[in-house]
Amino acid sequence: MKILCVRPAPGNRSQAILQAGPLRLRAALGRSGTTSRKREGDGATPIADMALLYGYRRDRRISGAGTSLPMVPARADMLWCDAAAHAAYNRPVRAPFAASHETLRRKDELYDIAIVMDWNIRSRKRGCGSAIFFHIARPGYTPTEGCVAIHPRDMRRLLPHLGPKTRLQVR
């Protein structure tokens, strides 16, 4: 599968329809909907065409989900820097880490599969958004902080078809 197309759902800016070939799947977006001017902490999902780079996984929680994307087992010391003024902004870091960060091995299921999308990664600008992942949705598809999230069943269904040439397009 080369393209995952995400469009906001009618009547709810923080939910979307993800199209993967003939499939149409429900998805969650940022609490502020989508934006073409992404800023750190705005709660919006960037309108962009993003490559899927690699991912983190909790092997014991999501089983039988193979993919050709590089996947890293999430450990307790794995974090993601979201402090715009820090040199490691929008990069993985290790605990202990004093600056603001996301924990990649969460107690809930959201990052059981967390795929890093190329938003502000290869061409990084401070303050333009960090930790934009394709991950597991909360029950009820409640809003994300700016990511795209789907049901665990749908993630297991898509993973075997995702690879280094797959792009996620948010419209």
N, C-alpha and C. Protein backbone atom coordinates (compact mmCIF):
# COMPACT_ATOMS: atom_id res chain seq x y z
N MET A 1 0.85 -1.16 0.00
CA MET A 1 0.00 0.00 0.00
C MET A 1 0.91 1.24 0.00
N LYS A 2 0.74 2.08 -0.96
CA LYS A 2 1.62 3.23 -1.10
C LYS A 2 1.08 4.50 -0.46
N ILE A 3 -0.26 4.69 -0.48
CA ILE A 3 -0.85 5.93 0.02
C ILE A 3 -1.95 5.63 1.02
N LEU A 4 -1.88 6.31 2.17
CA LEU A 4 -2.97 6.35 3.13
C LEU A 4 -3.47 7.78 3.10
N CYS A 5 -4.72 7.97 2.75
CA CYS A 5 -5.28 9.31 2.62
C CYS A 5 -6.23 9.56 3.80
N VAL A 6 -6.00 10.65 4.51
CA VAL A 6 -6.79 10.99 5.69
C VAL A 6 -7.53 12.29 5.43
N ARG A 7 -8.86 12.22 5.57
CA ARG A 7 -9.70 13.40 5.39
C ARG A 7 -10.55 13.59 6.62
N PRO A 8 -10.71 14.83 7.09
CA PRO A 8 -11.57 15.06 8.27
C PRO A 8 -12.98 14.54 8.01
N ALA A 9 -13.59 13.98 9.06
CA ALA A 9 -14.95 13.48 8.96
C ALA A 9 -15.93 14.65 9.00
N PRO A 10 -17.01 14.57 8.27
CA PRO A 10 -18.00 15.65 8.31
C PRO A 10 -18.54 15.84 9.73
N GLY A 11 -18.59 17.09 10.17
CA GLY A 11 -19.20 17.41 11.45
C GLY A 11 -18.35 17.22 12.68
N ASN A 12 -17.11 16.73 12.54
CA ASN A 12 -16.25 16.54 13.71
C ASN A 12 -14.79 16.73 13.29
N ARG A 13 -14.23 17.88 13.59
CA ARG A 13 -12.88 18.20 13.11
C ARG A 13 -11.78 17.34 13.72
N SER A 14 -12.07 16.65 14.83
CA SER A 14 -11.03 15.82 15.44
C SER A 14 -11.18 14.34 15.07
N GLN A 15 -12.06 14.02 14.14
CA GLN A 15 -12.16 12.66 13.63
C GLN A 15 -11.99 12.68 12.13
N ALA A 16 -11.63 11.51 11.59
CA ALA A 16 -11.32 11.45 10.16
C ALA A 16 -11.72 10.12 9.58
N ILE A 17 -11.63 10.06 8.26
CA ILE A 17 -11.78 8.82 7.52
C ILE A 17 -10.43 8.58 6.84
N LEU A 18 -9.84 7.43 7.13
CA LEU A 18 -8.57 7.05 6.53
C LEU A 18 -8.88 6.08 5.40
N GLN A 19 -8.43 6.42 4.21
CA GLN A 19 -8.63 5.55 3.05
C GLN A 19 -7.32 4.84 2.75
N ALA A 20 -7.40 3.51 2.71
CA ALA A 20 -6.25 2.67 2.39
C ALA A 20 -6.72 1.72 1.29
N GLY A 21 -6.42 2.08 0.04
CA GLY A 21 -6.95 1.29 -1.07
C GLY A 21 -8.46 1.34 -1.00
N PRO A 22 -9.14 0.19 -1.06
CA PRO A 22 -10.61 0.19 -1.00
C PRO A 22 -11.17 0.33 0.43
N LEU A 23 -10.30 0.24 1.43
CA LEU A 23 -10.76 0.32 2.82
C LEU A 23 -11.02 1.76 3.24
N ARG A 24 -12.05 1.94 4.05
CA ARG A 24 -12.33 3.23 4.68
C ARG A 24 -12.39 2.95 6.18
N LEU A 25 -11.49 3.58 6.94
CA LEU A 25 -11.38 3.31 8.37
C LEU A 25 -11.58 4.60 9.17
N ARG A 26 -12.17 4.46 10.32
CA ARG A 26 -12.36 5.59 11.22
C ARG A 26 -11.01 5.93 11.86
N ALA A 27 -10.75 7.23 12.07
CA ALA A 27 -9.48 7.66 12.68
C ALA A 27 -9.73 8.88 13.57
N ALA A 28 -8.81 9.10 14.48
CA ALA A 28 -8.82 10.28 15.34
C ALA A 28 -7.73 11.23 14.86
N LEU A 29 -8.02 12.52 14.97
CA LEU A 29 -7.05 13.59 14.65
C LEU A 29 -6.83 14.43 15.89
N GLY A 30 -6.03 15.47 15.74
CA GLY A 30 -5.77 16.38 16.85
C GLY A 30 -7.02 17.09 17.33
N ARG A 31 -7.00 17.53 18.58
CA ARG A 31 -8.17 18.18 19.18
C ARG A 31 -8.55 19.47 18.46
N SER A 32 -7.60 20.08 17.76
CA SER A 32 -7.85 21.30 17.00
C SER A 32 -8.11 21.04 15.52
N GLY A 33 -8.29 19.77 15.15
CA GLY A 33 -8.51 19.44 13.74
C GLY A 33 -7.21 19.41 12.97
N THR A 34 -7.24 19.94 11.75
CA THR A 34 -6.04 19.95 10.90
C THR A 34 -5.60 21.39 10.65
N THR A 35 -4.33 21.53 10.31
CA THR A 35 -3.80 22.87 10.02
C THR A 35 -2.67 22.79 9.00
N SER A 36 -2.54 23.85 8.22
CA SER A 36 -1.41 23.96 7.30
C SER A 36 -0.27 24.76 7.94
N ARG A 37 -0.48 25.23 9.17
CA ARG A 37 0.53 26.02 9.90
C ARG A 37 0.78 25.42 11.28
N LYS A 38 1.26 24.22 11.30
CA LYS A 38 1.48 23.46 12.54
C LYS A 38 2.47 24.18 13.45
N ARG A 39 2.11 24.27 14.74
CA ARG A 39 2.96 24.84 15.77
C ARG A 39 2.97 23.90 16.97
N GLU A 40 4.07 23.87 17.68
CA GLU A 40 4.18 23.03 18.88
C GLU A 40 3.07 23.34 19.87
N GLY A 41 2.35 22.29 20.30
CA GLY A 41 1.33 22.44 21.32
C GLY A 41 -0.02 22.92 20.84
N ASP A 42 -0.21 23.12 19.53
CA ASP A 42 -1.49 23.64 19.04
C ASP A 42 -2.59 22.58 18.98
N GLY A 43 -2.24 21.31 19.16
CA GLY A 43 -3.24 20.25 19.15
C GLY A 43 -3.80 19.94 17.78
N ALA A 44 -3.15 20.39 16.73
CA ALA A 44 -3.64 20.17 15.37
C ALA A 44 -2.79 19.12 14.65
N THR A 45 -3.43 18.41 13.74
CA THR A 45 -2.75 17.46 12.87
C THR A 45 -2.31 18.21 11.62
N PRO A 46 -1.03 18.09 11.25
CA PRO A 46 -0.57 18.85 10.07
C PRO A 46 -1.16 18.34 8.76
N ILE A 47 -1.58 19.27 7.92
CA ILE A 47 -2.00 18.95 6.56
C ILE A 47 -0.70 18.77 5.78
N ALA A 48 -0.42 17.54 5.38
CA ALA A 48 0.87 17.25 4.77
C ALA A 48 0.85 15.88 4.12
N ASP A 49 1.88 15.62 3.33
CA ASP A 49 2.15 14.33 2.72
C ASP A 49 3.41 13.82 3.41
N MET A 50 3.27 12.81 4.28
CA MET A 50 4.37 12.38 5.14
C MET A 50 4.76 10.93 4.88
N ALA A 51 6.03 10.69 4.73
CA ALA A 51 6.54 9.32 4.63
C ALA A 51 6.43 8.65 6.00
N LEU A 52 6.23 7.33 5.99
CA LEU A 52 6.29 6.55 7.23
C LEU A 52 7.74 6.11 7.36
N LEU A 53 8.42 6.53 8.42
CA LEU A 53 9.85 6.31 8.56
C LEU A 53 10.19 5.00 9.26
N TYR A 54 9.67 4.80 10.46
CA TYR A 54 9.92 3.61 11.28
C TYR A 54 8.93 3.65 12.43
N GLY A 55 8.95 2.65 13.28
CA GLY A 55 7.99 2.64 14.36
C GLY A 55 8.52 2.02 15.64
N TYR A 56 7.71 2.18 16.68
CA TYR A 56 7.94 1.57 17.99
C TYR A 56 6.78 0.62 18.25
N ARG A 57 7.06 -0.49 18.95
CA ARG A 57 6.01 -1.46 19.22
C ARG A 57 6.18 -2.07 20.60
N ARG A 58 5.03 -2.41 21.18
CA ARG A 58 4.98 -3.19 22.42
C ARG A 58 4.64 -4.60 21.98
N ASP A 59 5.62 -5.46 21.84
CA ASP A 59 5.43 -6.79 21.28
C ASP A 59 4.37 -7.63 21.99
N ARG A 60 4.28 -7.52 23.29
CA ARG A 60 3.33 -8.38 24.02
C ARG A 60 1.89 -7.94 23.86
N ARG A 61 1.67 -6.69 23.48
CA ARG A 61 0.30 -6.20 23.37
C ARG A 61 -0.27 -6.33 21.96
N ILE A 62 0.56 -6.18 20.94
CA ILE A 62 0.10 -6.31 19.55
C ILE A 62 0.88 -7.47 18.95
N SER A 63 0.21 -8.58 18.75
CA SER A 63 0.91 -9.76 18.22
C SER A 63 0.46 -10.03 16.79
N GLY A 64 1.30 -10.71 16.07
CA GLY A 64 0.98 -11.10 14.71
C GLY A 64 0.89 -9.95 13.74
N ALA A 65 1.55 -8.84 14.04
CA ALA A 65 1.45 -7.65 13.20
C ALA A 65 2.80 -7.37 12.55
N GLY A 66 3.09 -8.05 11.46
CA GLY A 66 4.34 -7.86 10.75
C GLY A 66 4.25 -6.69 9.79
N THR A 67 5.38 -6.09 9.49
CA THR A 67 5.46 -4.98 8.55
C THR A 67 6.88 -4.91 8.01
N SER A 68 7.05 -4.32 6.84
CA SER A 68 8.41 -4.12 6.32
C SER A 68 9.01 -2.81 6.81
N LEU A 69 8.25 -2.03 7.58
CA LEU A 69 8.82 -0.84 8.20
C LEU A 69 9.77 -1.26 9.31
N PRO A 70 10.88 -0.56 9.47
CA PRO A 70 11.73 -0.87 10.63
C PRO A 70 10.96 -0.60 11.92
N MET A 71 10.91 -1.58 12.82
CA MET A 71 10.20 -1.43 14.10
C MET A 71 11.17 -1.68 15.24
N VAL A 72 11.09 -0.82 16.24
CA VAL A 72 11.96 -0.89 17.41
C VAL A 72 11.12 -1.27 18.63
N PRO A 73 11.53 -2.27 19.41
CA PRO A 73 10.79 -2.56 20.64
C PRO A 73 10.89 -1.37 21.60
N ALA A 74 9.75 -0.91 22.10
CA ALA A 74 9.74 0.23 23.02
C ALA A 74 10.19 -0.22 24.41
N ARG A 75 11.16 0.50 24.96
CA ARG A 75 11.65 0.24 26.31
C ARG A 75 11.27 1.39 27.23
N ALA A 76 11.32 1.15 28.50
CA ALA A 76 10.91 2.15 29.50
C ALA A 76 11.73 3.42 29.45
N ASP A 77 12.97 3.35 28.98
CA ASP A 77 13.83 4.55 28.96
C ASP A 77 13.74 5.33 27.65
N MET A 78 12.85 4.93 26.75
CA MET A 78 12.72 5.60 25.46
C MET A 78 11.73 6.75 25.55
N LEU A 79 12.18 7.93 25.16
CA LEU A 79 11.38 9.15 25.21
C LEU A 79 11.48 9.86 23.87
N TRP A 80 10.65 10.90 23.68
CA TRP A 80 10.69 11.73 22.47
C TRP A 80 10.65 13.18 22.92
N CYS A 81 11.69 13.95 22.60
CA CYS A 81 11.80 15.34 23.04
C CYS A 81 10.80 16.23 22.31
N ASP A 82 9.98 16.97 23.09
CA ASP A 82 9.05 17.93 22.49
C ASP A 82 9.30 19.35 23.00
N ALA A 83 10.49 19.57 23.54
CA ALA A 83 10.88 20.90 24.03
C ALA A 83 11.53 21.66 22.88
N ALA A 84 10.80 22.64 22.34
CA ALA A 84 11.25 23.34 21.12
C ALA A 84 12.62 24.00 21.26
N ALA A 85 12.99 24.43 22.45
CA ALA A 85 14.28 25.11 22.64
C ALA A 85 15.45 24.14 22.83
N HIS A 86 15.18 22.86 22.99
CA HIS A 86 16.23 21.88 23.24
C HIS A 86 16.88 21.42 21.94
N ALA A 87 18.16 21.11 21.98
CA ALA A 87 18.90 20.64 20.80
C ALA A 87 18.35 19.33 20.25
N ALA A 88 17.71 18.52 21.10
CA ALA A 88 17.17 17.23 20.67
C ALA A 88 15.69 17.33 20.27
N TYR A 89 15.21 18.54 20.04
CA TYR A 89 13.80 18.74 19.69
C TYR A 89 13.37 17.83 18.55
N ASN A 90 12.22 17.19 18.75
CA ASN A 90 11.62 16.27 17.79
C ASN A 90 12.55 15.12 17.41
N ARG A 91 13.19 14.60 18.43
CA ARG A 91 14.11 13.46 18.26
C ARG A 91 13.90 12.48 19.41
N PRO A 92 14.20 11.20 19.19
CA PRO A 92 14.15 10.26 20.31
C PRO A 92 15.30 10.56 21.28
N VAL A 93 15.02 10.40 22.56
CA VAL A 93 16.01 10.60 23.62
C VAL A 93 15.84 9.49 24.65
N ARG A 94 16.76 9.40 25.59
CA ARG A 94 16.70 8.37 26.64
C ARG A 94 16.53 9.01 28.01
N ALA A 95 15.81 8.29 28.86
CA ALA A 95 15.67 8.71 30.26
C ALA A 95 16.97 8.41 30.99
N PRO A 96 17.32 9.19 31.97
CA PRO A 96 16.62 10.38 32.44
C PRO A 96 16.83 11.56 31.48
N PHE A 97 15.78 12.36 31.32
CA PHE A 97 15.81 13.50 30.40
C PHE A 97 14.94 14.59 31.02
N ALA A 98 15.56 15.72 31.36
CA ALA A 98 14.86 16.76 32.12
C ALA A 98 13.90 17.60 31.28
N ALA A 99 14.21 17.81 30.01
CA ALA A 99 13.36 18.66 29.17
C ALA A 99 12.03 17.95 28.88
N SER A 100 11.04 18.71 28.41
CA SER A 100 9.72 18.17 28.10
C SER A 100 9.84 17.05 27.06
N HIS A 101 9.04 15.99 27.27
CA HIS A 101 9.14 14.82 26.39
C HIS A 101 7.87 13.98 26.44
N GLU A 102 7.74 13.08 25.46
CA GLU A 102 6.72 12.04 25.42
C GLU A 102 7.40 10.74 25.86
N THR A 103 6.67 9.89 26.55
CA THR A 103 7.15 8.56 26.91
C THR A 103 6.68 7.59 25.82
N LEU A 104 7.61 6.85 25.24
CA LEU A 104 7.25 5.95 24.14
C LEU A 104 6.70 4.61 24.61
N ARG A 105 6.98 4.25 25.85
CA ARG A 105 6.39 3.02 26.41
C ARG A 105 5.35 3.45 27.44
N ARG A 106 4.18 3.76 26.92
CA ARG A 106 3.09 4.28 27.75
C ARG A 106 2.39 3.16 28.52
N LYS A 107 1.71 3.55 29.59
CA LYS A 107 0.93 2.58 30.35
C LYS A 107 -0.35 2.20 29.62
N ASP A 108 -0.90 3.14 28.83
CA ASP A 108 -2.09 2.82 28.04
C ASP A 108 -1.66 2.18 26.72
N GLU A 109 -2.58 1.96 25.82
CA GLU A 109 -2.27 1.24 24.58
C GLU A 109 -1.92 2.13 23.39
N LEU A 110 -1.95 3.45 23.56
CA LEU A 110 -1.82 4.36 22.42
C LEU A 110 -0.56 4.13 21.59
N TYR A 111 0.55 3.86 22.24
CA TYR A 111 1.79 3.65 21.51
C TYR A 111 2.19 2.18 21.45
N ASP A 112 1.22 1.27 21.57
CA ASP A 112 1.55 -0.15 21.37
C ASP A 112 2.14 -0.32 19.98
N ILE A 113 1.63 0.44 19.02
CA ILE A 113 2.25 0.64 17.71
C ILE A 113 2.26 2.15 17.51
N ALA A 114 3.43 2.72 17.33
CA ALA A 114 3.56 4.16 17.07
C ALA A 114 4.53 4.32 15.91
N ILE A 115 4.01 4.72 14.77
CA ILE A 115 4.83 4.87 13.58
C ILE A 115 5.20 6.33 13.42
N VAL A 116 6.49 6.59 13.29
CA VAL A 116 7.00 7.95 13.15
C VAL A 116 6.78 8.39 11.70
N MET A 117 6.05 9.50 11.57
CA MET A 117 5.82 10.07 10.24
C MET A 117 6.82 11.21 10.02
N ASP A 118 7.17 11.45 8.79
CA ASP A 118 8.16 12.49 8.49
C ASP A 118 7.53 13.88 8.55
N TRP A 119 7.14 14.25 9.75
CA TRP A 119 6.70 15.62 9.99
C TRP A 119 7.78 16.30 10.82
N ASN A 120 8.45 17.28 10.23
CA ASN A 120 9.46 18.05 10.95
C ASN A 120 10.61 17.17 11.44
N ILE A 121 10.91 16.12 10.69
CA ILE A 121 12.01 15.21 11.07
C ILE A 121 13.22 15.48 10.18
N ARG A 122 13.09 15.20 8.89
CA ARG A 122 14.23 15.37 7.98
C ARG A 122 14.58 16.83 7.78
N SER A 123 13.57 17.67 7.74
CA SER A 123 13.77 19.12 7.60
C SER A 123 13.15 19.75 8.85
N ARG A 124 13.92 19.77 9.94
CA ARG A 124 13.40 20.14 11.25
C ARG A 124 13.47 21.64 11.49
N LYS A 125 12.35 22.20 11.99
CA LYS A 125 12.28 23.60 12.39
C LYS A 125 11.72 23.64 13.80
N ARG A 126 12.41 24.32 14.67
CA ARG A 126 11.98 24.40 16.07
C ARG A 126 10.62 25.06 16.18
N GLY A 127 9.78 24.46 17.00
CA GLY A 127 8.47 25.02 17.25
C GLY A 127 7.40 24.66 16.24
N CYS A 128 7.75 23.85 15.24
CA CYS A 128 6.77 23.52 14.18
C CYS A 128 6.11 22.16 14.38
N GLY A 129 6.18 21.63 15.58
CA GLY A 129 5.48 20.39 15.90
C GLY A 129 6.41 19.21 16.04
N SER A 130 6.12 18.39 17.04
CA SER A 130 6.95 17.22 17.32
C SER A 130 6.08 16.02 17.67
N ALA A 131 6.68 14.85 17.61
CA ALA A 131 6.02 13.59 18.00
C ALA A 131 4.71 13.39 17.23
N ILE A 132 4.75 13.58 15.93
CA ILE A 132 3.58 13.35 15.09
C ILE A 132 3.65 11.90 14.61
N PHE A 133 2.84 11.06 15.24
CA PHE A 133 2.87 9.62 15.01
C PHE A 133 1.54 9.12 14.43
N PHE A 134 1.61 7.93 13.84
CA PHE A 134 0.44 7.17 13.41
C PHE A 134 0.33 6.06 14.44
N HIS A 135 -0.69 6.10 15.29
CA HIS A 135 -0.74 5.19 16.44
C HIS A 135 -2.14 4.68 16.72
N ILE A 136 -2.31 4.04 17.86
CA ILE A 136 -3.57 3.45 18.29
C ILE A 136 -4.49 4.53 18.87
N ALA A 137 -5.76 4.47 18.50
CA ALA A 137 -6.74 5.44 18.98
C ALA A 137 -7.25 5.07 20.38
N ARG A 138 -7.64 6.11 21.12
CA ARG A 138 -8.34 5.90 22.39
C ARG A 138 -9.75 5.38 22.09
N PRO A 139 -10.37 4.74 23.08
CA PRO A 139 -11.77 4.34 22.89
C PRO A 139 -12.63 5.57 22.55
N GLY A 140 -13.52 5.40 21.59
CA GLY A 140 -14.37 6.51 21.17
C GLY A 140 -13.70 7.48 20.23
N TYR A 141 -12.46 7.17 19.83
CA TYR A 141 -11.71 8.02 18.90
C TYR A 141 -11.64 9.46 19.41
N THR A 142 -11.37 9.61 20.70
CA THR A 142 -11.20 10.96 21.25
C THR A 142 -9.95 11.58 20.64
N PRO A 143 -9.86 12.92 20.65
CA PRO A 143 -8.77 13.60 19.95
C PRO A 143 -7.36 13.24 20.43
N THR A 144 -6.42 13.35 19.50
CA THR A 144 -5.00 13.18 19.78
C THR A 144 -4.41 14.56 20.06
N GLU A 145 -3.11 14.62 20.24
CA GLU A 145 -2.41 15.90 20.40
C GLU A 145 -1.94 16.45 19.05
N GLY A 146 -2.26 15.74 17.98
CA GLY A 146 -1.86 16.16 16.63
C GLY A 146 -1.49 14.99 15.74
N CYS A 147 -1.62 13.80 16.27
CA CYS A 147 -1.30 12.58 15.52
C CYS A 147 -2.53 12.08 14.75
N VAL A 148 -2.34 10.98 14.03
CA VAL A 148 -3.43 10.24 13.39
C VAL A 148 -3.48 8.89 14.10
N ALA A 149 -4.67 8.51 14.57
CA ALA A 149 -4.80 7.28 15.35
C ALA A 149 -5.97 6.44 14.86
N ILE A 150 -5.78 5.12 14.86
CA ILE A 150 -6.82 4.19 14.42
C ILE A 150 -6.98 3.07 15.44
N HIS A 151 -8.05 2.31 15.29
CA HIS A 151 -8.36 1.18 16.18
C HIS A 151 -7.24 0.12 16.07
N PRO A 152 -6.93 -0.58 17.17
CA PRO A 152 -5.88 -1.62 17.12
C PRO A 152 -6.15 -2.68 16.04
N ARG A 153 -7.41 -3.06 15.88
CA ARG A 153 -7.77 -4.06 14.85
C ARG A 153 -7.40 -3.54 13.46
N ASP A 154 -7.66 -2.25 13.21
CA ASP A 154 -7.34 -1.67 11.91
C ASP A 154 -5.84 -1.53 11.71
N MET A 155 -5.11 -1.22 12.79
CA MET A 155 -3.65 -1.13 12.70
C MET A 155 -3.07 -2.50 12.34
N ARG A 156 -3.55 -3.56 13.00
CA ARG A 156 -3.08 -4.92 12.67
C ARG A 156 -3.38 -5.27 11.22
N ARG A 157 -4.50 -4.82 10.74
CA ARG A 157 -4.90 -5.08 9.35
C ARG A 157 -4.02 -4.35 8.35
N LEU A 158 -3.63 -3.11 8.67
CA LEU A 158 -2.82 -2.31 7.75
C LEU A 158 -1.32 -2.62 7.79
N LEU A 159 -0.80 -2.93 8.98
CA LEU A 159 0.65 -3.08 9.14
C LEU A 159 1.34 -3.94 8.09
N PRO A 160 0.82 -5.11 7.73
CA PRO A 160 1.52 -5.92 6.73
C PRO A 160 1.66 -5.24 5.36
N HIS A 161 0.85 -4.21 5.13
CA HIS A 161 0.86 -3.51 3.83
C HIS A 161 1.66 -2.21 3.86
N LEU A 162 2.19 -1.85 5.02
CA LEU A 162 2.95 -0.60 5.14
C LEU A 162 4.43 -0.88 4.97
N GLY A 163 5.11 0.06 4.33
CA GLY A 163 6.54 -0.10 4.12
C GLY A 163 7.21 1.25 3.97
N PRO A 164 8.51 1.24 3.70
CA PRO A 164 9.28 2.48 3.59
C PRO A 164 8.79 3.41 2.47
N LYS A 165 8.05 2.91 1.51
CA LYS A 165 7.55 3.77 0.43
C LYS A 165 6.12 4.26 0.68
N THR A 166 5.54 3.86 1.82
CA THR A 166 4.17 4.28 2.14
C THR A 166 4.17 5.73 2.60
N ARG A 167 3.16 6.47 2.17
CA ARG A 167 2.99 7.86 2.56
C ARG A 167 1.61 8.04 3.17
N LEU A 168 1.55 8.86 4.19
CA LEU A 168 0.27 9.20 4.81
C LEU A 168 -0.02 10.66 4.45
N GLN A 169 -1.12 10.86 3.75
CA GLN A 169 -1.49 12.22 3.31
C GLN A 169 -2.68 12.70 4.11
N VAL A 170 -2.50 13.80 4.82
CA VAL A 170 -3.60 14.43 5.54
C VAL A 170 -4.06 15.60 4.69
N ARG A 171 -5.34 15.61 4.36
CA ARG A 171 -5.93 16.65 3.48
C ARG A 171 -6.67 17.67 4.30
